[in-house]
């Protein structure tokens, strides 16, 4: 307000915004508005802030000590350079009344409330979901995640605080950007995986969570149980026994759904069919129980599923039939 910041003038504007002025006081404010075109803008600014604080106060159901805050505002004003005086009331006359609501104090209150809410605002969460497709995504810290089918990943827009925490249901391969001061933590169906920077796979479609490490070191924990895994190691939390089982060798096909590289060494046809079905997200069945135990050593590197199945069928003297998204292997057995 373009005034000398006297109590009289400020109190009058406070009463005006609170709709507590009488006809004579209204006339004084209206006269002030006509004296300078900037006065209307100034009043509009006060009114805007007044309304914002009113909304904040209503949302929080807090009682504000306006008198105390107003005194603080006036103390800050006292050292400021005086602006041009535009008198609303004669100097010899005082219309001061105890302040119940003062317009100008809203500046201080608005800053305080808005600062509080910004600091305590819940972080914005992003949710990624895959159906029958896979998805690759770069996270806010530069880490890269590859989601398998039927997977849900949630994470904040920004990783604030001392950790980088996300939630996973399903399966995903992580290539985590290294940051020793800010551990990367995955919450997966009750289990926790913590790393500083490494590449690994997490399979958590249910409570039986499996972690396979491609490089680096991973801390895998469930409640008080814990396992430290390094390159080439794998562990699984078994819900039924409430234990973490650690294996020294990672299944060569643990990352196959991402790489499309499948390696089988003297594997049963039953196992091969299951791995390919998971990796290609397809339905593969064996029509003859006798062929389940047929064994095969082979490798498929970015091969299409029909081609891979045709190679298997020809090698084992079987037939393969495609019915929509379903593939059926059949034959008399292995020679």
Protein backbone atom coordinates (compact mmCIF):
# COMPACT_ATOMS: atom_id res chain seq x y z
CA UNK A 1 0.00 0.00 0.00
CA UNK A 2 1.42 3.40 -0.97
CA UNK A 3 1.21 4.90 2.46
CA UNK A 4 3.44 5.67 5.43
CA UNK A 5 2.31 2.33 6.89
CA UNK A 6 0.50 4.03 9.79
CA UNK A 7 -1.77 1.90 11.92
CA UNK A 8 -4.74 4.04 10.84
CA UNK A 9 -4.34 3.37 7.15
CA UNK A 10 -3.46 -0.32 7.45
CA UNK A 11 -6.25 -0.97 9.94
CA UNK A 12 -8.73 0.64 7.59
CA UNK A 13 -7.72 -1.65 4.73
CA UNK A 14 -7.90 -4.61 7.11
CA UNK A 15 -11.44 -3.70 8.08
CA UNK A 16 -12.32 -3.11 4.43
CA UNK A 17 -11.19 -6.59 3.35
CA UNK A 18 -12.96 -8.11 6.33
CA UNK A 19 -16.13 -6.22 5.33
CA UNK A 20 -16.29 -4.46 8.71
CA UNK A 21 -16.17 -0.83 7.47
CA UNK A 22 -19.04 1.65 7.68
CA UNK A 23 -20.25 3.96 4.90
CA UNK A 24 -17.82 6.77 5.78
CA UNK A 25 -14.84 4.39 5.85
CA UNK A 26 -15.88 2.84 2.54
CA UNK A 27 -15.90 6.34 1.03
CA UNK A 28 -12.34 6.94 2.26
CA UNK A 29 -11.09 3.74 0.61
CA UNK A 30 -12.92 4.52 -2.64
CA UNK A 31 -11.40 8.02 -2.68
CA UNK A 32 -7.94 6.53 -2.17
CA UNK A 33 -8.52 4.18 -5.12
CA UNK A 34 -9.27 7.12 -7.44
CA UNK A 35 -6.17 9.08 -6.45
CA UNK A 36 -3.68 6.68 -8.12
CA UNK A 37 -4.28 3.88 -10.65
CA UNK A 38 -1.67 1.77 -8.85
CA UNK A 39 -3.78 1.79 -5.69
CA UNK A 40 -6.37 -0.54 -7.26
CA UNK A 41 -3.66 -3.04 -8.23
CA UNK A 42 -2.26 -2.87 -4.73
CA UNK A 43 -5.67 -3.58 -3.25
CA UNK A 44 -6.16 -6.47 -5.70
CA UNK A 45 -2.86 -7.98 -4.59
CA UNK A 46 -3.87 -7.74 -0.95
CA UNK A 47 -7.23 -9.32 -1.74
CA UNK A 48 -5.63 -12.25 -3.61
CA UNK A 49 -3.25 -13.07 -0.76
CA UNK A 50 -6.08 -12.59 1.76
CA UNK A 51 -8.14 -15.24 -0.06
CA UNK A 52 -5.23 -17.68 -0.37
CA UNK A 53 -4.49 -17.59 3.34
CA UNK A 54 -8.18 -17.96 4.07
CA UNK A 55 -8.22 -21.16 2.03
CA UNK A 56 -5.10 -22.52 3.73
CA UNK A 57 -6.45 -21.69 7.18
CA UNK A 58 -9.73 -23.43 6.39
CA UNK A 59 -7.96 -26.58 5.15
CA UNK A 60 -5.84 -26.86 8.27
CA UNK A 61 -8.43 -25.72 10.82
CA UNK A 62 -5.74 -23.65 12.55
CA UNK A 63 -6.39 -20.53 14.61
CA UNK A 64 -3.93 -17.81 13.65
CA UNK A 65 -2.76 -15.17 16.12
CA UNK A 66 -3.12 -12.27 13.70
CA UNK A 67 -2.34 -9.58 16.28
CA UNK A 68 1.05 -11.09 17.08
CA UNK A 69 1.90 -11.62 13.44
CA UNK A 70 0.83 -8.08 12.59
CA UNK A 71 3.16 -6.65 15.19
CA UNK A 72 5.98 -8.61 13.55
CA UNK A 73 5.10 -7.18 10.15
CA UNK A 74 5.06 -3.63 11.52
CA UNK A 75 8.45 -4.10 13.18
CA UNK A 76 9.91 -5.12 9.82
CA UNK A 77 8.27 -2.13 8.17
CA UNK A 78 9.73 0.36 10.62
CA UNK A 79 13.22 0.16 9.14
CA UNK A 80 12.09 0.43 5.52
CA UNK A 81 12.43 3.59 3.42
CA UNK A 82 9.23 5.58 3.54
CA UNK A 83 7.17 5.64 0.37
CA UNK A 84 4.98 8.40 -0.94
CA UNK A 85 2.27 9.29 1.60
CA UNK A 86 -1.28 8.91 0.37
CA UNK A 87 -3.45 9.74 3.36
CA UNK A 88 -6.77 7.97 3.73
CA UNK A 89 -7.80 9.75 6.93
CA UNK A 90 -6.88 13.06 8.55
CA UNK A 91 -3.76 12.78 10.70
CA UNK A 92 -5.53 14.24 13.71
CA UNK A 93 -8.15 11.53 13.65
CA UNK A 94 -7.75 7.91 14.63
CA UNK A 95 -10.00 5.09 13.58
CA UNK A 96 -7.79 2.43 15.20
CA UNK A 97 -9.59 -0.54 16.72
CA UNK A 98 -8.10 -3.79 18.07
CA UNK A 99 -7.13 -5.91 15.06
CA UNK A 100 -9.23 -9.00 14.59
CA UNK A 101 -8.31 -9.51 10.95
CA UNK A 102 -5.67 -7.43 9.14
CA UNK A 103 -5.17 -7.66 5.40
CA UNK A 104 -1.46 -6.94 5.29
CA UNK A 105 -0.56 -9.68 7.74
CA UNK A 106 -1.62 -12.21 5.13
CA UNK A 107 1.67 -11.67 3.34
CA UNK A 108 3.59 -13.10 6.29
CA UNK A 109 1.08 -15.87 6.88
CA UNK A 110 0.96 -16.88 3.21
CA UNK A 111 4.72 -17.27 3.05
CA UNK A 112 4.75 -19.31 6.26
CA UNK A 113 1.92 -21.63 5.30
CA UNK A 114 3.06 -22.17 1.71
CA UNK A 115 6.62 -22.91 2.85
CA UNK A 116 5.29 -25.45 5.35
CA UNK A 117 3.17 -27.24 2.77
CA UNK A 118 5.97 -27.37 0.21
CA UNK A 119 8.28 -28.95 2.77
CA UNK A 120 5.69 -31.48 3.95
CA UNK A 121 4.08 -32.21 0.61
CA UNK A 122 3.81 -35.90 -0.25
CA UNK A 123 6.13 -36.77 -3.16
CA UNK A 124 4.49 -37.35 -6.54
CA UNK A 125 4.51 -41.07 -7.38
CA UNK A 126 4.84 -42.62 -10.82
CA UNK A 127 3.36 -46.07 -11.46
CA UNK A 128 4.40 -48.26 -14.38
CA UNK A 129 2.35 -51.33 -15.30
CA UNK A 130 2.91 -53.91 -18.02
CA UNK A 131 0.33 -56.33 -19.35
CA UNK A 132 1.50 -58.83 -21.95
CA UNK A 133 4.37 -56.60 -23.07
CA UNK A 134 7.76 -55.65 -21.64
CA UNK A 135 8.97 -52.11 -20.95
CA UNK A 136 12.29 -50.36 -20.44
CA UNK A 137 12.42 -47.16 -18.36
CA UNK A 138 15.11 -44.79 -17.10
CA UNK A 139 14.56 -43.73 -13.49
CA UNK A 140 15.19 -40.19 -12.09
CA UNK A 141 18.71 -41.11 -10.91
CA UNK A 142 19.78 -42.50 -14.29
CA UNK A 143 19.23 -46.16 -13.36
CA UNK A 144 17.65 -48.31 -16.08
CA UNK A 145 14.95 -50.89 -15.41
CA UNK A 146 13.50 -53.49 -17.78
CA UNK A 147 10.05 -54.72 -16.73
CA UNK A 148 8.81 -58.19 -17.59
CA UNK A 149 5.14 -58.85 -18.35
CA UNK A 150 2.44 -58.38 -15.68
CA UNK A 151 4.71 -56.20 -13.56
CA UNK A 152 4.06 -53.05 -11.52
CA UNK A 153 6.78 -50.58 -10.51
CA UNK A 154 6.19 -47.43 -8.43
CA UNK A 155 8.75 -44.73 -7.66
CA UNK A 156 8.86 -40.99 -6.80
CA UNK A 157 9.37 -38.30 -9.42
CA UNK A 158 12.56 -37.32 -7.56
CA UNK A 159 14.65 -39.43 -5.19
CA UNK A 160 14.84 -37.16 -2.13
CA UNK A 161 16.39 -38.00 1.22
CA UNK A 162 19.18 -40.48 1.94
CA UNK A 163 17.90 -43.42 -0.14
CA UNK A 164 16.42 -44.22 -3.55
CA UNK A 165 13.38 -46.37 -2.79
CA UNK A 166 10.97 -48.08 -5.19
CA UNK A 167 8.28 -50.79 -5.01
CA UNK A 168 8.07 -53.82 -7.30
CA UNK A 169 5.51 -56.52 -7.93
CA UNK A 170 6.40 -58.86 -10.80
CA UNK A 171 9.82 -59.18 -12.42
CA UNK A 172 12.40 -56.62 -13.50
CA UNK A 173 16.06 -56.35 -14.45
CA UNK A 174 17.90 -53.39 -12.91
CA UNK A 175 21.06 -51.62 -14.02
CA UNK A 176 21.52 -49.25 -11.08
CA UNK A 177 23.47 -46.00 -11.36
CA UNK A 178 26.15 -46.10 -8.67
CA UNK A 179 25.79 -43.66 -5.77
CA UNK A 180 27.58 -44.76 -2.59
CA UNK A 181 26.00 -41.93 -0.58
CA UNK A 182 22.46 -42.91 -1.57
CA UNK A 183 21.63 -46.65 -1.54
CA UNK A 184 19.06 -48.00 -4.01
CA UNK A 185 16.34 -50.01 -2.22
CA UNK A 186 13.68 -52.22 -3.81
CA UNK A 187 10.66 -53.31 -1.75
CA UNK A 188 9.35 -56.49 -3.36
CA UNK A 189 6.42 -58.35 -1.79
CA UNK A 190 7.79 -58.05 1.74
CA UNK A 191 11.46 -58.59 0.82
CA UNK A 192 14.06 -55.83 0.46
CA UNK A 193 16.95 -55.60 -1.98
CA UNK A 194 19.60 -52.92 -1.36
CA UNK A 195 22.47 -51.96 -3.65
CA UNK A 196 24.84 -49.07 -4.28
CA UNK A 197 25.25 -49.69 -7.99
CA UNK A 198 25.02 -52.99 -9.86
CA UNK A 199 22.98 -55.05 -12.33
CA UNK A 200 20.63 -57.78 -11.17
CA UNK A 201 17.21 -59.33 -11.64
CA UNK A 202 14.32 -59.47 -9.17
CA UNK A 203 11.43 -61.90 -9.59
CA UNK A 204 8.61 -61.12 -7.17
CA UNK A 205 5.27 -62.23 -8.58
CA UNK A 206 4.45 -63.65 -5.13
CA UNK A 207 6.03 -63.94 -1.67
CA UNK A 208 8.71 -66.29 -3.04
CA UNK A 209 11.10 -63.55 -4.15
CA UNK A 210 14.16 -64.46 -6.23
CA UNK A 211 17.24 -62.28 -6.83
CA UNK A 212 19.90 -63.04 -9.47
CA UNK A 213 23.06 -60.91 -9.69
CA UNK A 214 24.78 -60.18 -13.00
CA UNK A 215 27.41 -57.78 -11.59
CA UNK A 216 28.33 -56.04 -8.34
CA UNK A 217 27.00 -56.81 -4.87
CA UNK A 218 23.42 -57.05 -3.58
CA UNK A 219 22.01 -57.23 -0.06
CA UNK A 220 18.87 -59.39 -0.03
CA UNK A 221 16.81 -59.40 3.17
CA UNK A 222 13.50 -60.48 4.66
CA UNK A 223 12.84 -59.34 8.24
CA UNK A 224 15.93 -60.50 10.21
CA UNK A 225 17.14 -62.90 7.49
CA UNK A 226 19.78 -61.65 5.08
CA UNK A 227 22.04 -62.80 2.25
CA UNK A 228 24.85 -60.96 0.47
CA UNK A 229 25.05 -61.85 -3.23
CA UNK A 230 27.82 -61.13 -5.70
CA UNK A 231 28.26 -61.64 -9.44
CA UNK A 232 26.90 -64.98 -10.61
CA UNK A 233 25.00 -65.72 -7.39
CA UNK A 234 21.29 -66.18 -6.83
CA UNK A 235 19.01 -66.44 -3.80
CA UNK A 236 15.33 -67.00 -3.17
CA UNK A 237 13.15 -66.32 -0.18
CA UNK A 238 10.88 -69.34 0.37
CA UNK A 239 7.73 -68.18 2.14
CA UNK A 240 6.66 -71.67 3.21
CA UNK A 241 9.87 -72.34 5.16
CA UNK A 242 10.56 -68.65 5.93
CA UNK A 243 14.16 -69.00 4.77
CA UNK A 244 16.50 -67.48 2.20
CA UNK A 245 18.13 -70.14 0.04
CA UNK A 246 21.35 -69.09 -1.65
CA UNK A 247 22.80 -70.70 -4.79
CA UNK A 248 26.31 -70.17 -6.09
CA UNK A 249 25.39 -70.38 -9.78
CA UNK A 250 22.76 -68.24 -11.46
CA UNK A 251 20.41 -69.98 -13.88
CA UNK A 252 21.80 -69.06 -17.30
CA UNK A 253 18.29 -68.15 -18.41
CA UNK A 254 17.46 -65.86 -15.47
CA UNK A 255 17.78 -62.80 -17.72
CA UNK A 256 16.54 -64.44 -20.93
CA UNK A 257 13.19 -62.59 -21.00
CA UNK A 258 15.28 -59.42 -21.47
CA UNK A 259 18.21 -60.66 -23.58
CA UNK A 260 16.32 -63.30 -25.61
CA UNK A 261 19.39 -65.55 -25.23
CA UNK A 262 18.51 -69.06 -24.03
CA UNK A 263 21.13 -71.64 -23.08
CA UNK A 264 20.27 -75.29 -22.30
CA UNK A 265 22.81 -77.92 -21.27
CA UNK A 266 21.45 -81.46 -21.18
CA UNK A 267 18.08 -80.03 -20.09
CA UNK A 268 14.80 -81.90 -20.11
CA UNK A 269 12.21 -80.94 -22.71
CA UNK A 270 9.80 -80.17 -19.89
CA UNK A 271 12.25 -77.60 -18.47
CA UNK A 272 13.02 -76.17 -21.91
CA UNK A 273 9.33 -75.70 -22.72
CA UNK A 274 8.73 -73.89 -19.41
CA UNK A 275 11.73 -71.55 -19.84
CA UNK A 276 10.78 -70.67 -23.41
CA UNK A 277 7.15 -70.11 -22.41
CA UNK A 278 8.24 -67.69 -19.68
CA UNK A 279 10.80 -65.93 -21.87
CA UNK A 280 8.53 -65.48 -24.87
CA UNK A 281 5.31 -65.04 -22.85
CA UNK A 282 3.66 -67.88 -24.73
CA UNK A 283 1.69 -71.05 -24.02
CA UNK A 284 3.75 -74.15 -24.79
CA UNK A 285 2.47 -77.61 -23.94
CA UNK A 286 3.72 -81.18 -24.37
CA UNK A 287 1.00 -83.43 -25.72
CA UNK A 288 2.76 -86.66 -24.75
CA UNK A 289 4.07 -87.29 -21.24
CA UNK A 290 6.76 -89.60 -22.66
CA UNK A 291 8.60 -86.71 -24.31
CA UNK A 292 8.92 -84.66 -21.11
CA UNK A 293 12.17 -86.39 -20.20
CA UNK A 294 13.78 -85.94 -23.62
CA UNK A 295 17.05 -84.08 -23.12
CA UNK A 296 18.72 -81.46 -25.24
CA UNK A 297 21.78 -79.21 -25.31
CA UNK A 298 21.27 -76.09 -27.42
CA UNK A 299 21.39 -72.30 -27.52
CA UNK A 300 18.95 -69.80 -29.00
CA UNK A 301 20.29 -66.28 -29.54
CA UNK A 302 17.53 -63.79 -30.43
CA UNK A 303 15.67 -66.54 -32.27
CA UNK A 304 11.94 -66.31 -32.86
CA UNK A 305 9.85 -68.73 -30.84
CA UNK A 306 8.45 -70.62 -33.89
CA UNK A 307 11.99 -71.13 -35.21
CA UNK A 308 13.25 -72.30 -31.80
CA UNK A 309 10.41 -74.81 -31.48
CA UNK A 310 10.94 -76.09 -35.03
CA UNK A 311 14.63 -76.70 -34.25
CA UNK A 312 13.68 -78.62 -31.10
CA UNK A 313 11.05 -80.67 -32.97
CA UNK A 314 13.45 -81.60 -35.75
CA UNK A 315 16.24 -82.49 -33.34
CA UNK A 316 14.03 -84.74 -31.19
CA UNK A 317 11.89 -86.09 -34.04
CA UNK A 318 8.77 -84.33 -32.80
CA UNK A 319 6.02 -82.25 -34.37
CA UNK A 320 5.03 -78.71 -33.42
CA UNK A 321 1.56 -77.29 -33.97
CA UNK A 322 0.56 -73.65 -33.56
CA UNK A 323 -2.98 -72.78 -32.50
CA UNK A 324 -3.19 -69.04 -32.10
CA UNK A 325 -0.82 -68.13 -29.25
CA UNK A 326 -0.55 -71.76 -28.16
CA UNK A 327 2.15 -74.19 -29.32
CA UNK A 328 1.90 -77.98 -28.93
CA UNK A 329 4.85 -80.40 -29.12
CA UNK A 330 3.99 -84.03 -29.81
CA UNK A 331 5.69 -87.28 -30.79
CA UNK A 332 6.37 -90.87 -29.86
CA UNK A 333 9.35 -90.21 -27.67
CA UNK A 334 13.08 -89.73 -27.82
CA UNK A 335 15.56 -91.90 -29.69
